[in-house]
Amino acid sequence: MKKPLFLSLAIASFALCMGLATVARAQDAKAGDVVAGAKKVSMCIGCHNIPRYQSVFPEVYKVPKLGGQHAAYIVKALQEYRNGDRVHPSMRAIASSLSDQDIADLAAYYSAAPATTASK
C-alpha cells in the first residue's frame, strides 16, 4: 500500500523541523570558557581542592574532587543543586548564585583540569 504524497511530505517536513530545532538548541547552549572558569573557582576550592577533605555538614562525607570530571556531569549537577533536585544546603546556596554561563565556565575549567581523586 502506497502512502499518500501529502503524508510523506508531512512526515519529511516534521523530521526537518525537529532536526532544525535540535541544531538551534545546540547553538543556544552556552559554551564554557576555561579561562573564565579559572576566575570563578574561588567558591569551589575551599572544599573541592583540599586533599582527603570531609565535610561534617549536613552529614559526614568525603567531598569529591572535580578535576577531570566530564563537563556535562558538572553542568547537570550544578543545575540540579540550583533547581533543588539535589539537596546539599551549601551546594544549593552556591549553585543558586550561578548563571548558566558561570556553570558552563566552571564545567569547562574542571573538565580540562588534571584528574584528581580524594586521596591526592
C-alpha atoms as a PDB file:
ATOM      1  CA  MET A   1       0.000   0.000   0.000  1.00  0.00           C
ATOM      2  CA  LYS A   2       1.458   3.354  -1.021  1.00  0.00           C
ATOM      3  CA  LYS A   3       1.372   6.275   1.372  1.00  0.00           C
ATOM      4  CA  PRO A   4      -0.302   9.375   0.019  1.00  0.00           C
ATOM      5  CA  LEU A   5       2.170  12.018  -1.151  1.00  0.00           C
ATOM      6  CA  PHE A   6       0.938  14.621   1.345  1.00  0.00           C
ATOM      7  CA  LEU A   7       1.536  12.213   4.245  1.00  0.00           C
ATOM      8  CA  SER A   8       5.101  11.560   3.094  1.00  0.00           C
ATOM      9  CA  LEU A   9       5.702  15.304   2.737  1.00  0.00           C
ATOM     10  CA  ALA A  10       4.213  15.962   6.169  1.00  0.00           C
ATOM     11  CA  ILE A  11       6.485  13.366   7.773  1.00  0.00           C
ATOM     12  CA  ALA A  12       9.530  14.743   5.969  1.00  0.00           C
ATOM     13  CA  SER A  13       8.637  18.321   6.997  1.00  0.00           C
ATOM     14  CA  PHE A  14       8.200  17.263  10.624  1.00  0.00           C
ATOM     15  CA  ALA A  15      11.564  15.471  10.626  1.00  0.00           C
ATOM     16  CA  LEU A  16      13.258  18.531   9.119  1.00  0.00           C
ATOM     17  CA  CYS A  17      11.708  20.842  11.718  1.00  0.00           C
ATOM     18  CA  MET A  18      12.788  18.558  14.557  1.00  0.00           C
ATOM     19  CA  GLY A  19      16.327  18.473  13.191  1.00  0.00           C
ATOM     20  CA  LEU A  20      16.444  22.266  12.905  1.00  0.00           C
ATOM     21  CA  ALA A  21      15.111  22.637  16.439  1.00  0.00           C
ATOM     22  CA  THR A  22      17.860  20.353  17.740  1.00  0.00           C
ATOM     23  CA  VAL A  23      20.520  22.397  15.951  1.00  0.00           C
ATOM     24  CA  ALA A  24      19.045  25.625  17.328  1.00  0.00           C
ATOM     25  CA  ARG A  25      19.105  24.265  20.898  1.00  0.00           C
ATOM     26  CA  ALA A  26      22.709  23.161  20.465  1.00  0.00           C
ATOM     27  CA  GLN A  27      23.657  26.625  19.241  1.00  0.00           C
ATOM     28  CA  ASP A  28      21.819  28.237  22.168  1.00  0.00           C
ATOM     29  CA  ALA A  29      23.716  26.121  24.687  1.00  0.00           C
ATOM     30  CA  LYS A  30      26.412  28.204  26.264  1.00  0.00           C
ATOM     31  CA  ALA A  31      29.954  27.117  25.599  1.00  0.00           C
ATOM     32  CA  GLY A  32      32.161  27.045  28.653  1.00  0.00           C
ATOM     33  CA  ASP A  33      35.336  29.111  28.802  1.00  0.00           C
ATOM     34  CA  VAL A  34      38.247  27.511  30.688  1.00  0.00           C
ATOM     35  CA  VAL A  35      39.949  30.871  31.366  1.00  0.00           C
ATOM     36  CA  ALA A  36      36.730  32.437  32.639  1.00  0.00           C
ATOM     37  CA  GLY A  37      36.104  29.329  34.747  1.00  0.00           C
ATOM     38  CA  ALA A  38      39.533  29.660  36.359  1.00  0.00           C
ATOM     39  CA  LYS A  39      38.453  33.085  37.632  1.00  0.00           C
ATOM     40  CA  LYS A  40      35.259  31.659  39.151  1.00  0.00           C
ATOM     41  CA  VAL A  41      36.539  28.694  41.176  1.00  0.00           C
ATOM     42  CA  SER A  42      37.282  30.579  44.394  1.00  0.00           C
ATOM     43  CA  MET A  43      33.996  29.400  45.918  1.00  0.00           C
ATOM     44  CA  CYS A  44      34.792  25.793  44.926  1.00  0.00           C
ATOM     45  CA  ILE A  45      38.400  25.351  46.004  1.00  0.00           C
ATOM     46  CA  GLY A  46      37.673  25.771  49.702  1.00  0.00           C
ATOM     47  CA  CYS A  47      36.193  22.275  49.743  1.00  0.00           C
ATOM     48  CA  HIS A  48      36.846  20.544  46.433  1.00  0.00           C
ATOM     49  CA  ASN A  49      40.608  21.145  46.286  1.00  0.00           C
ATOM     50  CA  ILE A  50      41.565  20.007  49.788  1.00  0.00           C
ATOM     51  CA  PRO A  51      43.146  16.526  49.789  1.00  0.00           C
ATOM     52  CA  ARG A  52      41.050  13.963  51.719  1.00  0.00           C
ATOM     53  CA  TYR A  53      38.627  16.674  52.860  1.00  0.00           C
ATOM     54  CA  GLN A  54      35.499  15.532  54.656  1.00  0.00           C
ATOM     55  CA  SER A  55      32.551  17.769  55.305  1.00  0.00           C
ATOM     56  CA  VAL A  56      30.564  17.482  58.507  1.00  0.00           C
ATOM     57  CA  PHE A  57      27.543  19.495  57.411  1.00  0.00           C
ATOM     58  CA  PRO A  58      24.848  18.369  56.946  1.00  0.00           C
ATOM     59  CA  GLU A  59      26.466  14.947  57.396  1.00  0.00           C
ATOM     60  CA  VAL A  60      29.963  13.487  57.270  1.00  0.00           C
ATOM     61  CA  TYR A  61      31.032  12.618  53.735  1.00  0.00           C
ATOM     62  CA  LYS A  62      34.087  12.836  51.518  1.00  0.00           C
ATOM     63  CA  VAL A  63      33.993  15.887  49.274  1.00  0.00           C
ATOM     64  CA  PRO A  64      34.580  14.829  45.662  1.00  0.00           C
ATOM     65  CA  LYS A  65      37.445  16.202  43.625  1.00  0.00           C
ATOM     66  CA  LEU A  66      36.310  17.811  40.396  1.00  0.00           C
ATOM     67  CA  GLY A  67      39.426  17.827  38.202  1.00  0.00           C
ATOM     68  CA  GLY A  68      38.983  15.706  35.092  1.00  0.00           C
ATOM     69  CA  GLN A  69      35.238  15.274  35.627  1.00  0.00           C
ATOM     70  CA  HIS A  70      33.074  15.373  32.493  1.00  0.00           C
ATOM     71  CA  ALA A  71      31.740  18.869  31.776  1.00  0.00           C
ATOM     72  CA  ALA A  72      28.216  17.591  31.115  1.00  0.00           C
ATOM     73  CA  TYR A  73      28.135  15.931  34.538  1.00  0.00           C
ATOM     74  CA  ILE A  74      29.262  19.121  36.295  1.00  0.00           C
ATOM     75  CA  VAL A  75      26.672  21.182  34.412  1.00  0.00           C
ATOM     76  CA  LYS A  76      23.900  18.734  35.293  1.00  0.00           C
ATOM     77  CA  ALA A  77      24.934  18.518  38.947  1.00  0.00           C
ATOM     78  CA  LEU A  78      25.111  22.297  39.388  1.00  0.00           C
ATOM     79  CA  GLN A  79      21.764  22.773  37.641  1.00  0.00           C
ATOM     80  CA  GLU A  80      20.218  20.141  39.926  1.00  0.00           C
ATOM     81  CA  TYR A  81      21.604  21.891  43.029  1.00  0.00           C
ATOM     82  CA  ARG A  82      20.323  25.230  41.715  1.00  0.00           C
ATOM     83  CA  ASN A  83      16.868  23.777  40.970  1.00  0.00           C
ATOM     84  CA  GLY A  84      16.640  21.987  44.312  1.00  0.00           C
ATOM     85  CA  ASP A  85      16.750  18.476  42.816  1.00  0.00           C
ATOM     86  CA  ARG A  86      19.900  17.860  44.860  1.00  0.00           C
ATOM     87  CA  VAL A  87      19.575  18.935  48.458  1.00  0.00           C
ATOM     88  CA  HIS A  88      23.014  19.680  49.915  1.00  0.00           C
ATOM     89  CA  PRO A  89      22.458  23.083  51.586  1.00  0.00           C
ATOM     90  CA  SER A  90      25.910  24.557  50.908  1.00  0.00           C
ATOM     91  CA  MET A  91      25.959  23.451  47.289  1.00  0.00           C
ATOM     92  CA  ARG A  92      22.388  24.650  46.778  1.00  0.00           C
ATOM     93  CA  ALA A  93      23.297  28.098  48.110  1.00  0.00           C
ATOM     94  CA  ILE A  94      26.370  28.341  45.889  1.00  0.00           C
ATOM     95  CA  ALA A  95      24.663  26.977  42.776  1.00  0.00           C
ATOM     96  CA  SER A  96      21.681  29.303  43.197  1.00  0.00           C
ATOM     97  CA  SER A  97      24.031  32.241  42.698  1.00  0.00           C
ATOM     98  CA  LEU A  98      25.423  30.876  39.416  1.00  0.00           C
ATOM     99  CA  SER A  99      24.255  31.874  35.946  1.00  0.00           C
ATOM    100  CA  ASP A 100      24.106  29.350  33.116  1.00  0.00           C
ATOM    101  CA  GLN A 101      27.331  30.890  31.783  1.00  0.00           C
ATOM    102  CA  ASP A 102      29.032  30.538  35.196  1.00  0.00           C
ATOM    103  CA  ILE A 103      28.067  26.870  35.275  1.00  0.00           C
ATOM    104  CA  ALA A 104      29.350  26.293  31.743  1.00  0.00           C
ATOM    105  CA  ASP A 105      32.637  28.056  32.558  1.00  0.00           C
ATOM    106  CA  LEU A 106      33.179  26.069  35.771  1.00  0.00           C
ATOM    107  CA  ALA A 107      32.405  22.827  33.955  1.00  0.00           C
ATOM    108  CA  ALA A 108      34.886  23.717  31.191  1.00  0.00           C
ATOM    109  CA  TYR A 109      37.573  24.569  33.745  1.00  0.00           C
ATOM    110  CA  TYR A 110      37.214  21.411  35.818  1.00  0.00           C
ATOM    111  CA  SER A 111      36.857  19.095  32.832  1.00  0.00           C
ATOM    112  CA  ALA A 112      40.118  20.484  31.427  1.00  0.00           C
ATOM    113  CA  ALA A 113      41.918  20.184  34.789  1.00  0.00           C
ATOM    114  CA  PRO A 114      44.000  17.105  35.589  1.00  0.00           C
ATOM    115  CA  ALA A 115      42.012  14.220  37.035  1.00  0.00           C
ATOM    116  CA  THR A 116      42.204  14.074  40.803  1.00  0.00           C
ATOM    117  CA  THR A 117      40.951  11.764  43.489  1.00  0.00           C
ATOM    118  CA  ALA A 118      40.076  12.210  47.134  1.00  0.00           C
ATOM    119  CA  SER A 119      43.485  10.825  48.121  1.00  0.00           C
ATOM    120  CA  LYS A 120      45.524  13.333  46.098  1.00  0.00           C
END
